[in-house]
């Protein structure tokens, strides 16, 4: 008989082994703190007892409409209570939640619906026009359910066969919800912008979602009953998994449909917010708000930001207003942030330039990530920790995606050598902290959203006057980065920048439009490849 004494008669059974899932966090919070406020949205206050009951009713109603393990339920929703309920109610059926980017155009949404084989689409009235156009283009014919949020007073219509509240009324909140059969089962599907072609569908599992949610609580020192303001879109990596993190500490979700300075300051002050996340644009809105829009903060607020490290002036401005900023790093493929610039108190005493250098680094792995390193992309060997040798940032562990849906070739390429290859290039310092230097995929991150430079280039190429186009990221104080287009015209052709922008507007979502267009011959190598690093330097100098 093989093995050790610990391998005999000590088997897994239901008493000692259950699949990890973030769904159990809400169950515990509702049983332990049933009257605690779970959700604030405008005048609405919803307790954990109500949050849990509504999530179970949603699960019950979806199951009665045929949703089973592995079925995709797509949602096109703002940061509302319904979106939070979907994060629990959908996977409680063993179905898979697909949170769609509300900024996508109809064609991209149609692709996501078809690729994910959506059985249900839950859509906010604000996005009904785009949703209707997407459904017209899509092959799938999902059950469409309308959400009519009373906090939204703008245009839009109901396009579904029933509304969300009627759906919940058809469900039974006392019906037992389903644990995943296996913690490796899919919990959500998130589409990420690739550098070529259609977006890739990133599949998360229950185990990873449960662990990353815990990692956020540890990294953010969220403590007992935190109050979290939703300025980060919940559709983005499932809100970096904070949709599930708050249940761990029985915290309060403060929903916010629109990220505007007056609304943010009012919520921060009135609800005594402790934590929030956001892209550089959110910091810009907060520190540049006129005095009449600001409110005194009752406490120091933890602010988590990702993408490019904030400039020292922005960090100083955030500190003056009352925020403590923590820099995170991750990708859709790592459930959102999985790396943190873990700050050492002694660094506060460093001269400003050295302190800035420390803050420019992406940092070290979350406690729930097993491996993070900079490695040679060819050999797979770890690069020297000299702060100079460039390599590719690589991840391995339980908070790395299962893979790309229906795309085995891309999945195998991403996991080559037993590490997830981020496509981001960086260096490793002597203390093990990693600092990114470039994005090998040429992805532009604007307002926290990924923009494929190739997609923008393709739109420009289609104009009859354009001979060649290259798009790179231009640093932007408000958005972090914006697309900057360098365009080479055909001999004798003439076209104004505004005309090209209008041309792109017909083919791209608004946030993907190039903010700057520069005409001239593109720098190329001897083989004709555009030298984008030179264009990035030009863009920075503009």
Protein backbone atom coordinates (compact mmCIF):
# COMPACT_ATOMS: atom_id res chain seq x y z
CA UNK A 1 0.00 0.00 0.00
CA UNK A 2 1.60 3.27 -1.15
CA UNK A 3 1.76 6.65 0.53
CA UNK A 4 2.34 7.61 4.17
CA UNK A 5 0.28 7.06 7.31
CA UNK A 6 -1.46 10.36 6.47
CA UNK A 7 -2.69 8.99 3.16
CA UNK A 8 -4.71 6.16 4.72
CA UNK A 9 -8.31 6.43 5.95
CA UNK A 10 -8.20 10.23 5.95
CA UNK A 11 -10.23 10.92 2.82
CA UNK A 12 -12.18 13.94 1.68
CA UNK A 13 -15.83 13.89 2.67
CA UNK A 14 -18.63 16.49 2.91
CA UNK A 15 -17.78 17.13 6.56
CA UNK A 16 -14.17 18.11 5.93
CA UNK A 17 -14.10 19.36 2.35
CA UNK A 18 -16.33 21.90 0.62
CA UNK A 19 -15.61 23.81 -2.61
CA UNK A 20 -14.34 27.34 -2.06
CA UNK A 21 -16.84 29.94 -3.30
CA UNK A 22 -17.49 33.62 -2.49
CA UNK A 23 -21.22 32.81 -2.33
CA UNK A 24 -20.77 31.47 1.20
CA UNK A 25 -19.56 34.91 2.33
CA UNK A 26 -23.00 36.43 1.74
CA UNK A 27 -24.67 33.49 3.48
CA UNK A 28 -22.52 34.10 6.58
CA UNK A 29 -22.95 37.89 6.55
CA UNK A 30 -26.75 37.57 6.33
CA UNK A 31 -26.91 35.03 9.15
CA UNK A 32 -24.50 36.95 11.40
CA UNK A 33 -25.49 40.55 10.66
CA UNK A 34 -28.99 40.32 9.16
CA UNK A 35 -29.95 43.91 10.03
CA UNK A 36 -26.65 45.47 8.99
CA UNK A 37 -26.98 47.82 5.99
CA UNK A 38 -25.56 45.98 3.01
CA UNK A 39 -26.47 48.37 0.18
CA UNK A 40 -27.09 52.11 -0.10
CA UNK A 41 -28.40 53.50 -3.38
CA UNK A 42 -29.93 56.97 -3.38
CA UNK A 43 -32.77 56.77 -0.86
CA UNK A 44 -32.67 52.96 -0.81
CA UNK A 45 -31.29 51.10 2.20
CA UNK A 46 -31.13 47.32 2.01
CA UNK A 47 -30.06 45.02 4.86
CA UNK A 48 -28.01 41.86 4.55
CA UNK A 49 -31.17 39.86 5.24
CA UNK A 50 -32.83 41.52 2.22
CA UNK A 51 -29.71 41.32 0.03
CA UNK A 52 -29.42 37.58 0.64
CA UNK A 53 -33.15 36.95 0.17
CA UNK A 54 -33.28 38.85 -3.12
CA UNK A 55 -30.17 37.05 -4.42
CA UNK A 56 -31.77 33.70 -3.59
CA UNK A 57 -35.05 34.76 -5.22
CA UNK A 58 -33.10 35.69 -8.36
CA UNK A 59 -31.39 32.28 -8.37
CA UNK A 60 -34.71 30.52 -7.92
CA UNK A 61 -36.41 32.50 -10.71
CA UNK A 62 -33.52 31.87 -13.13
CA UNK A 63 -33.54 28.14 -12.37
CA UNK A 64 -37.29 28.04 -13.04
CA UNK A 65 -36.52 29.54 -16.43
CA UNK A 66 -34.10 26.78 -17.24
CA UNK A 67 -30.71 28.17 -16.17
CA UNK A 68 -28.43 25.28 -15.22
CA UNK A 69 -24.72 24.67 -14.64
CA UNK A 70 -22.59 26.33 -17.33
CA UNK A 71 -25.33 28.57 -18.74
CA UNK A 72 -24.30 32.19 -19.33
CA UNK A 73 -26.36 35.03 -17.90
CA UNK A 74 -25.18 38.34 -19.39
CA UNK A 75 -25.86 41.66 -17.69
CA UNK A 76 -25.55 45.21 -19.03
CA UNK A 77 -25.92 47.16 -15.80
CA UNK A 78 -24.64 50.23 -13.99
CA UNK A 79 -23.31 50.15 -10.40
CA UNK A 80 -26.69 49.35 -8.88
CA UNK A 81 -28.14 46.93 -6.28
CA UNK A 82 -29.32 44.66 -9.11
CA UNK A 83 -25.73 44.27 -10.31
CA UNK A 84 -24.65 43.18 -6.82
CA UNK A 85 -27.54 40.69 -6.61
CA UNK A 86 -26.50 39.21 -9.96
CA UNK A 87 -23.00 38.55 -8.59
CA UNK A 88 -24.57 36.12 -6.13
CA UNK A 89 -27.89 35.06 -7.65
CA UNK A 90 -26.49 33.96 -11.02
CA UNK A 91 -23.72 31.67 -9.70
CA UNK A 92 -26.18 30.34 -7.08
CA UNK A 93 -27.79 28.53 -10.04
CA UNK A 94 -24.35 27.15 -11.06
CA UNK A 95 -24.68 29.47 -14.04
CA UNK A 96 -21.96 31.86 -15.18
CA UNK A 97 -22.21 35.66 -14.85
CA UNK A 98 -21.04 37.72 -17.84
CA UNK A 99 -20.82 41.41 -16.87
CA UNK A 100 -20.74 43.39 -20.10
CA UNK A 101 -18.82 46.63 -20.49
CA UNK A 102 -21.47 49.37 -20.70
CA UNK A 103 -19.14 51.46 -22.88
CA UNK A 104 -18.97 48.93 -25.73
CA UNK A 105 -20.71 49.53 -29.05
CA UNK A 106 -23.49 47.27 -30.37
CA UNK A 107 -21.22 45.18 -32.59
CA UNK A 108 -18.83 44.34 -29.75
CA UNK A 109 -21.72 43.53 -27.43
CA UNK A 110 -23.27 41.26 -30.08
CA UNK A 111 -19.97 39.38 -30.36
CA UNK A 112 -19.85 38.87 -26.56
CA UNK A 113 -23.47 37.66 -26.43
CA UNK A 114 -22.86 35.16 -29.24
CA UNK A 115 -19.45 33.98 -28.07
CA UNK A 116 -20.68 33.46 -24.50
CA UNK A 117 -23.91 31.87 -25.77
CA UNK A 118 -25.99 34.06 -23.46
CA UNK A 119 -29.28 32.48 -22.33
CA UNK A 120 -30.44 35.60 -20.45
CA UNK A 121 -29.65 39.31 -20.81
CA UNK A 122 -30.47 41.63 -17.90
CA UNK A 123 -30.25 45.24 -19.12
CA UNK A 124 -30.54 48.66 -17.48
CA UNK A 125 -32.90 51.07 -19.23
CA UNK A 126 -30.00 53.53 -19.75
CA UNK A 127 -28.35 51.07 -22.14
CA UNK A 128 -31.51 49.84 -23.90
CA UNK A 129 -30.77 51.49 -27.23
CA UNK A 130 -27.33 49.90 -27.59
CA UNK A 131 -28.65 46.60 -26.22
CA UNK A 132 -31.47 46.51 -28.78
CA UNK A 133 -28.99 47.17 -31.62
CA UNK A 134 -26.69 44.43 -30.24
CA UNK A 135 -29.57 41.93 -30.08
CA UNK A 136 -30.46 42.75 -33.70
CA UNK A 137 -26.89 41.86 -34.72
CA UNK A 138 -26.52 38.79 -32.47
CA UNK A 139 -27.40 35.22 -33.41
CA UNK A 140 -28.47 34.24 -29.89
CA UNK A 141 -31.96 35.13 -28.68
CA UNK A 142 -31.67 35.41 -24.89
CA UNK A 143 -34.52 36.06 -22.49
CA UNK A 144 -34.31 39.86 -21.99
CA UNK A 145 -35.10 41.32 -18.56
CA UNK A 146 -35.34 45.08 -17.90
CA UNK A 147 -33.97 46.94 -14.90
CA UNK A 148 -35.65 50.31 -14.33
CA UNK A 149 -33.55 51.99 -11.66
CA UNK A 150 -35.47 54.87 -10.00
CA UNK A 151 -32.18 56.76 -9.63
CA UNK A 152 -31.93 56.96 -13.43
CA UNK A 153 -34.09 59.69 -14.99
CA UNK A 154 -32.59 59.87 -18.48
CA UNK A 155 -33.80 58.48 -21.81
CA UNK A 156 -34.29 54.79 -22.46
CA UNK A 157 -37.03 52.24 -22.84
CA UNK A 158 -37.93 48.75 -21.72
CA UNK A 159 -36.97 46.19 -24.36
CA UNK A 160 -37.47 42.92 -22.47
CA UNK A 161 -40.32 40.49 -22.00
CA UNK A 162 -40.46 41.17 -18.24
CA UNK A 163 -38.90 43.45 -15.67
CA UNK A 164 -36.42 42.52 -12.95
CA UNK A 165 -38.78 42.96 -9.99
CA UNK A 166 -41.36 40.71 -11.65
CA UNK A 167 -38.63 38.12 -12.21
CA UNK A 168 -37.73 38.18 -8.50
CA UNK A 169 -41.41 37.88 -7.56
CA UNK A 170 -41.50 34.62 -9.54
CA UNK A 171 -38.66 33.21 -7.44
CA UNK A 172 -38.66 31.69 -3.96
CA UNK A 173 -36.23 33.27 -1.50
CA UNK A 174 -36.50 30.20 0.75
CA UNK A 175 -35.38 27.80 -1.98
CA UNK A 176 -31.94 26.34 -1.33
CA UNK A 177 -29.28 27.75 -3.63
CA UNK A 178 -26.66 25.52 -5.24
CA UNK A 179 -23.04 25.31 -4.19
CA UNK A 180 -20.72 24.70 -7.15
CA UNK A 181 -20.16 21.03 -7.91
CA UNK A 182 -16.44 21.82 -7.93
CA UNK A 183 -14.56 24.97 -6.92
CA UNK A 184 -12.95 24.82 -10.39
CA UNK A 185 -16.41 25.47 -11.92
CA UNK A 186 -16.78 28.75 -13.81
CA UNK A 187 -18.30 31.62 -11.83
CA UNK A 188 -17.92 34.47 -14.32
CA UNK A 189 -16.92 35.42 -17.84
CA UNK A 190 -15.12 38.72 -18.48
CA UNK A 191 -14.20 40.00 -21.92
CA UNK A 192 -10.86 41.75 -22.28
CA UNK A 193 -9.59 43.83 -25.18
CA UNK A 194 -6.90 41.96 -27.07
CA UNK A 195 -4.39 43.52 -29.44
CA UNK A 196 -5.86 41.78 -32.44
CA UNK A 197 -9.36 40.88 -33.50
CA UNK A 198 -12.22 40.18 -31.16
CA UNK A 199 -12.02 40.41 -27.36
CA UNK A 200 -11.08 37.26 -25.44
CA UNK A 201 -13.43 35.70 -22.88
CA UNK A 202 -11.60 35.27 -19.58
CA UNK A 203 -13.10 32.54 -17.40
CA UNK A 204 -12.94 32.83 -13.58
CA UNK A 205 -13.56 29.93 -11.19
CA UNK A 206 -15.19 29.93 -7.74
CA UNK A 207 -11.89 29.16 -5.99
CA UNK A 208 -10.09 32.13 -7.53
CA UNK A 209 -12.98 34.51 -6.86
CA UNK A 210 -13.15 33.41 -3.21
CA UNK A 211 -9.40 33.85 -2.73
CA UNK A 212 -9.04 37.20 -4.53
CA UNK A 213 -12.00 38.54 -2.53
CA UNK A 214 -10.15 37.57 0.66
CA UNK A 215 -6.92 39.01 -0.74
CA UNK A 216 -8.61 42.39 -1.16
CA UNK A 217 -9.74 42.36 2.47
CA UNK A 218 -6.22 41.57 3.68
CA UNK A 219 -4.45 44.00 1.32
CA UNK A 220 -6.96 46.78 2.01
CA UNK A 221 -7.02 46.18 5.78
CA UNK A 222 -10.79 46.34 5.44
CA UNK A 223 -11.44 45.30 9.02
CA UNK A 224 -14.94 45.26 10.52
CA UNK A 225 -17.91 46.67 8.56
CA UNK A 226 -16.05 48.77 5.95
CA UNK A 227 -18.04 51.22 3.82
CA UNK A 228 -17.10 50.96 0.14
CA UNK A 229 -17.97 53.57 -2.51
CA UNK A 230 -18.51 52.13 -6.00
CA UNK A 231 -16.55 54.38 -8.36
CA UNK A 232 -14.94 51.39 -10.11
CA UNK A 233 -17.31 49.80 -12.66
CA UNK A 234 -18.67 46.51 -11.33
CA UNK A 235 -18.45 45.14 -14.89
CA UNK A 236 -14.67 45.48 -14.78
CA UNK A 237 -13.18 42.19 -13.49
CA UNK A 238 -16.33 41.82 -11.38
CA UNK A 239 -15.41 45.07 -9.67
CA UNK A 240 -11.92 43.68 -8.93
CA UNK A 241 -13.86 41.08 -6.88
CA UNK A 242 -14.84 43.73 -4.29
CA UNK A 243 -18.43 42.73 -5.16
CA UNK A 244 -17.65 39.61 -3.09
CA UNK A 245 -15.05 41.10 -0.70
CA UNK A 246 -17.56 43.29 1.14
CA UNK A 247 -19.54 40.25 2.29
CA UNK A 248 -16.43 38.88 4.04
CA UNK A 249 -16.45 41.82 6.46
CA UNK A 250 -20.21 42.50 6.30
CA UNK A 251 -19.44 45.89 4.79
CA UNK A 252 -21.72 48.40 3.13
CA UNK A 253 -21.85 48.92 -0.63
CA UNK A 254 -22.53 52.55 -1.58
CA UNK A 255 -23.71 52.43 -5.19
CA UNK A 256 -23.02 55.28 -7.59
CA UNK A 257 -24.38 55.39 -11.13
CA UNK A 258 -22.22 58.27 -12.32
CA UNK A 259 -18.74 59.20 -11.18
CA UNK A 260 -19.03 62.93 -10.55
CA UNK A 261 -17.14 64.96 -7.94
CA UNK A 262 -20.22 66.37 -6.09
CA UNK A 263 -21.84 62.93 -5.80
CA UNK A 264 -18.58 61.33 -4.66
CA UNK A 265 -17.89 63.95 -1.99
CA UNK A 266 -21.51 63.80 -0.77
CA UNK A 267 -21.34 60.00 -0.44
CA UNK A 268 -17.89 60.05 1.18
CA UNK A 269 -19.07 62.53 3.79
CA UNK A 270 -22.62 61.33 4.43
CA UNK A 271 -21.92 57.59 4.59
CA UNK A 272 -18.49 57.79 6.23
CA UNK A 273 -16.85 55.84 3.40
CA UNK A 274 -13.68 53.93 4.31
CA UNK A 275 -12.56 52.52 0.94
CA UNK A 276 -12.87 53.10 -2.80
CA UNK A 277 -11.07 52.14 -6.01
CA UNK A 278 -10.57 54.05 -9.21
CA UNK A 279 -8.60 54.87 -12.32
CA UNK A 280 -6.51 58.07 -12.57
CA UNK A 281 -9.58 59.99 -13.78
CA UNK A 282 -11.29 59.46 -10.42
CA UNK A 283 -8.31 60.99 -8.60
CA UNK A 284 -8.32 63.92 -11.03
CA UNK A 285 -12.01 64.55 -10.39
CA UNK A 286 -11.51 64.51 -6.63
CA UNK A 287 -8.46 66.77 -6.39
CA UNK A 288 -9.54 69.20 -9.14
CA UNK A 289 -13.09 69.68 -7.88
CA UNK A 290 -13.95 73.33 -7.10
CA UNK A 291 -14.32 74.20 -3.43
CA UNK A 292 -18.12 74.44 -3.62
CA UNK A 293 -18.34 70.79 -4.75
CA UNK A 294 -16.18 69.42 -1.94
CA UNK A 295 -17.25 68.16 1.47
CA UNK A 296 -14.99 67.57 4.47
CA UNK A 297 -14.10 63.90 4.87
CA UNK A 298 -14.91 62.51 8.33
CA UNK A 299 -11.95 60.12 8.15
CA UNK A 300 -8.89 59.23 6.09
CA UNK A 301 -10.12 57.19 3.13
CA UNK A 302 -8.22 54.29 1.55
CA UNK A 303 -8.03 54.72 -2.23
CA UNK A 304 -6.79 51.90 -4.48
CA UNK A 305 -5.64 52.67 -8.01
CA UNK A 306 -4.17 50.54 -10.77
CA UNK A 307 -2.62 51.11 -14.21
CA UNK A 308 0.19 53.69 -14.42
CA UNK A 309 1.63 54.86 -11.07
CA UNK A 310 0.18 58.23 -10.04
CA UNK A 311 2.52 61.24 -10.34
CA UNK A 312 3.90 62.63 -7.06
CA UNK A 313 1.79 65.79 -7.46
CA UNK A 314 -1.38 63.71 -7.71
CA UNK A 315 -0.44 61.63 -4.66
CA UNK A 316 0.29 64.81 -2.71
CA UNK A 317 -3.02 66.32 -3.82
CA UNK A 318 -4.92 63.19 -2.77
CA UNK A 319 -3.18 63.28 0.60
CA UNK A 320 -4.18 66.90 1.16
CA UNK A 321 -7.82 66.13 0.38
CA UNK A 322 -7.83 63.18 2.80
CA UNK A 323 -7.01 60.01 0.83
CA UNK A 324 -4.32 57.38 1.39
CA UNK A 325 -3.44 55.96 -2.05
CA UNK A 326 -2.28 52.38 -2.61
CA UNK A 327 -0.98 51.35 -6.04
CA UNK A 328 -2.13 47.95 -7.34
CA UNK A 329 -1.42 45.97 -10.49
CA UNK A 330 -3.13 43.10 -12.24
CA UNK A 331 -5.01 42.09 -15.36
CA UNK A 332 -8.43 40.76 -16.22
CA UNK A 333 -6.71 37.35 -16.36
CA UNK A 334 -5.72 37.67 -12.65
CA UNK A 335 -9.19 38.61 -11.37
CA UNK A 336 -8.10 42.25 -11.24
CA UNK A 337 -5.38 43.39 -8.84
CA UNK A 338 -3.09 40.63 -7.61
CA UNK A 339 0.06 42.71 -7.00
CA UNK A 340 0.48 45.60 -4.55
CA UNK A 341 3.09 48.25 -3.90
CA UNK A 342 3.32 47.17 -0.27
CA UNK A 343 4.58 50.32 1.43
CA UNK A 344 7.26 50.35 4.13
CA UNK A 345 6.86 53.04 6.80
CA UNK A 346 10.58 53.88 6.70
CA UNK A 347 10.17 54.96 3.07
CA UNK A 348 8.20 57.99 4.27
CA UNK A 349 11.48 59.50 5.50
CA UNK A 350 13.21 59.23 2.11
CA UNK A 351 13.96 62.35 0.01
CA UNK A 352 11.08 63.16 -2.41
CA UNK A 353 12.84 61.81 -5.52
CA UNK A 354 13.65 58.47 -3.85
CA UNK A 355 10.13 58.23 -2.44
CA UNK A 356 8.71 58.83 -5.91
CA UNK A 357 10.95 56.08 -7.30
CA UNK A 358 9.57 53.65 -4.71
CA UNK A 359 5.98 54.63 -5.55
CA UNK A 360 6.56 54.08 -9.28
CA UNK A 361 6.94 50.34 -8.73
CA UNK A 362 4.07 47.90 -9.15
CA UNK A 363 5.30 45.86 -6.22
CA UNK A 364 4.93 42.35 -4.85
CA UNK A 365 2.31 39.60 -5.00
CA UNK A 366 -0.92 39.53 -3.00
CA UNK A 367 -0.89 37.01 -0.13
CA UNK A 368 -3.29 34.84 -2.19
CA UNK A 369 -1.04 34.76 -5.27
CA UNK A 370 1.60 32.03 -5.22
CA UNK A 371 4.04 33.42 -7.76
CA UNK A 372 4.90 36.76 -9.41
CA UNK A 373 8.19 37.28 -11.21
CA UNK A 374 9.95 38.95 -14.12
CA UNK A 375 11.24 36.28 -16.51
CA UNK A 376 12.94 36.05 -19.84
CA UNK A 377 10.09 35.48 -22.32
CA UNK A 378 12.24 33.15 -24.44
CA UNK A 379 14.00 30.99 -21.84
CA UNK A 380 11.49 31.35 -19.00
CA UNK A 381 14.37 32.02 -16.57
CA UNK A 382 14.01 34.64 -13.84
CA UNK A 383 15.89 37.85 -14.72
CA UNK A 384 18.53 39.28 -12.36
CA UNK A 385 17.13 41.57 -9.63
CA UNK A 386 19.25 44.47 -10.83
CA UNK A 387 16.54 46.99 -11.71
CA UNK A 388 17.79 47.06 -15.29
CA UNK A 389 17.39 43.68 -17.02
CA UNK A 390 14.07 43.65 -18.83
CA UNK A 391 11.75 40.66 -18.85
CA UNK A 392 8.07 39.79 -18.93
CA UNK A 393 5.88 40.03 -15.82
CA UNK A 394 4.52 36.54 -15.12
CA UNK A 395 2.00 35.13 -12.63
CA UNK A 396 1.17 31.70 -11.29
CA UNK A 397 -1.35 30.68 -8.69
CA UNK A 398 -4.98 30.23 -7.74
CA UNK A 399 -6.03 33.74 -8.78
CA UNK A 400 -5.08 33.21 -12.39
CA UNK A 401 -7.93 32.56 -14.85
CA UNK A 402 -8.95 29.09 -16.04
CA UNK A 403 -8.23 30.28 -19.57
CA UNK A 404 -9.84 31.92 -22.60
CA UNK A 405 -13.28 30.63 -23.58
CA UNK A 406 -13.27 28.64 -26.85
CA UNK A 407 -9.69 29.73 -27.55
CA UNK A 408 -7.28 26.90 -26.70
CA UNK A 409 -4.49 28.36 -28.82
CA UNK A 410 -4.50 31.67 -26.90
CA UNK A 411 -4.83 29.81 -23.58
CA UNK A 412 -1.83 27.59 -24.31
CA UNK A 413 0.24 30.59 -25.41
CA UNK A 414 -0.67 32.52 -22.25
CA UNK A 415 0.34 29.59 -19.99
CA UNK A 416 3.47 28.52 -21.86
CA UNK A 417 6.16 27.32 -19.45
CA UNK A 418 3.81 27.00 -16.50
CA UNK A 419 3.38 30.74 -15.93
CA UNK A 420 0.71 33.19 -17.07
CA UNK A 421 2.43 35.61 -19.41
CA UNK A 422 1.06 39.12 -18.95
CA UNK A 423 2.62 40.68 -22.03
CA UNK A 424 3.85 43.51 -19.78
CA UNK A 425 7.58 44.18 -19.70
CA UNK A 426 9.41 45.22 -16.56
CA UNK A 427 12.42 44.92 -14.27
CA UNK A 428 12.97 43.44 -10.83
CA UNK A 429 14.67 45.43 -8.10
CA UNK A 430 17.04 44.08 -5.46
CA UNK A 431 14.25 43.90 -2.86
CA UNK A 432 12.08 41.82 -5.20
CA UNK A 433 9.68 44.63 -6.12
CA UNK A 434 8.73 44.67 -9.79
CA UNK A 435 8.47 47.80 -11.91
CA UNK A 436 6.75 47.78 -15.30
CA UNK A 437 8.46 49.57 -18.17
CA UNK A 438 6.28 48.97 -21.21
CA UNK A 439 3.26 47.12 -22.53
CA UNK A 440 4.33 44.66 -25.17
CA UNK A 441 0.74 44.36 -26.37
CA UNK A 442 0.42 48.10 -27.04
CA UNK A 443 -2.80 48.23 -25.03
CA UNK A 444 -3.89 51.74 -24.08
CA UNK A 445 -5.53 52.04 -20.65
CA UNK A 446 -7.90 55.00 -20.64
CA UNK A 447 -10.07 55.67 -17.60
CA UNK A 448 -9.36 52.13 -16.43
CA UNK A 449 -10.58 50.62 -19.72
CA UNK A 450 -8.42 48.75 -22.22
CA UNK A 451 -8.25 50.06 -25.79
CA UNK A 452 -6.64 48.02 -28.53
CA UNK A 453 -4.34 50.24 -30.62
CA UNK A 454 -4.85 47.88 -33.56
CA UNK A 455 -8.63 48.33 -33.43
CA UNK A 456 -8.22 52.14 -33.66
CA UNK A 457 -5.62 51.77 -36.41
CA UNK A 458 -7.99 49.55 -38.37
CA UNK A 459 -10.70 52.21 -38.27
CA UNK A 460 -8.25 54.86 -39.52
CA UNK A 461 -6.89 52.59 -42.27
CA UNK A 462 -10.37 52.29 -43.74
CA UNK A 463 -10.47 56.00 -44.63
CA UNK A 464 -9.65 56.42 -48.34
CA UNK A 465 -7.06 59.15 -47.69
CA UNK A 466 -5.01 57.14 -45.17
CA UNK A 467 -1.95 55.20 -46.29
CA UNK A 468 -0.75 54.09 -42.86
CA UNK A 469 -1.63 54.69 -39.22
CA UNK A 470 -0.11 53.87 -35.85
CA UNK A 471 -1.79 54.50 -32.51
CA UNK A 472 0.03 54.74 -29.18
CA UNK A 473 -0.81 55.85 -25.66
CA UNK A 474 -0.42 59.51 -24.81
CA UNK A 475 -0.19 60.27 -21.07
CA UNK A 476 -3.25 62.16 -19.87
CA UNK A 477 -3.75 63.71 -16.42
CA UNK A 478 -7.46 62.99 -16.40
CA UNK A 479 -7.76 59.60 -18.11
CA UNK A 480 -4.30 58.15 -17.40
CA UNK A 481 -3.78 57.49 -21.11
CA UNK A 482 -5.61 58.38 -24.32
CA UNK A 483 -5.11 57.17 -27.91
CA UNK A 484 -2.80 59.32 -30.02
CA UNK A 485 -2.84 58.58 -33.75
CA UNK A 486 0.05 59.14 -36.16
CA UNK A 487 -1.26 59.12 -39.72
CA UNK A 488 0.54 58.91 -43.06
CA UNK A 489 -1.65 60.12 -45.94
CA UNK A 490 -1.68 58.84 -49.50
CA UNK A 491 0.20 61.01 -52.04
CA UNK A 492 -1.84 64.10 -52.88
CA UNK A 493 -4.54 63.28 -50.31
CA UNK A 494 -5.77 65.85 -47.80
CA UNK A 495 -8.02 65.39 -44.78
CA UNK A 496 -8.66 67.42 -41.62
CA UNK A 497 -8.22 65.84 -38.14
CA UNK A 498 -11.88 66.53 -37.30
CA UNK A 499 -12.97 64.57 -40.38
CA UNK A 500 -10.89 61.55 -39.34
CA UNK A 501 -12.28 61.77 -35.79
CA UNK A 502 -15.83 61.80 -37.14
CA UNK A 503 -14.95 58.85 -39.38
CA UNK A 504 -13.72 56.90 -36.35
CA UNK A 505 -16.79 57.86 -34.31
CA UNK A 506 -18.93 55.91 -36.78
CA UNK A 507 -16.81 52.80 -36.21
CA UNK A 508 -15.65 52.92 -32.60
CA UNK A 509 -17.02 53.39 -29.11
CA UNK A 510 -16.55 56.99 -27.95
CA UNK A 511 -13.80 56.28 -25.41
CA UNK A 512 -11.65 54.64 -28.11
CA UNK A 513 -11.47 57.75 -30.35
CA UNK A 514 -7.99 59.23 -30.87
CA UNK A 515 -7.76 62.48 -28.91
CA UNK A 516 -4.78 63.67 -30.96
CA UNK A 517 -4.04 63.09 -34.66
CA UNK A 518 -0.58 63.89 -36.03
CA UNK A 519 0.14 63.78 -39.78
CA UNK A 520 3.49 62.79 -41.22
CA UNK A 521 5.65 59.90 -42.35
CA UNK A 522 5.78 57.06 -39.85
CA UNK A 523 9.24 55.96 -38.60
CA UNK A 524 9.92 52.41 -39.76
CA UNK A 525 12.58 49.75 -39.47
CA UNK A 526 14.43 48.39 -42.51
CA UNK A 527 11.79 45.68 -42.77
CA UNK A 528 8.98 48.24 -42.79
CA UNK A 529 7.78 47.73 -39.20
CA UNK A 530 6.55 50.92 -37.51
CA UNK A 531 8.82 51.96 -34.63
CA UNK A 532 6.19 52.58 -31.98
CA UNK A 533 8.69 53.38 -29.26
CA UNK A 534 9.65 56.51 -31.22
CA UNK A 535 5.99 57.44 -31.58
CA UNK A 536 5.46 57.03 -27.82
CA UNK A 537 8.29 59.50 -27.24
CA UNK A 538 6.66 61.94 -29.68
CA UNK A 539 3.29 61.49 -27.99
CA UNK A 540 4.79 62.21 -24.58
CA UNK A 541 6.41 65.36 -25.97
CA UNK A 542 3.16 66.72 -27.46
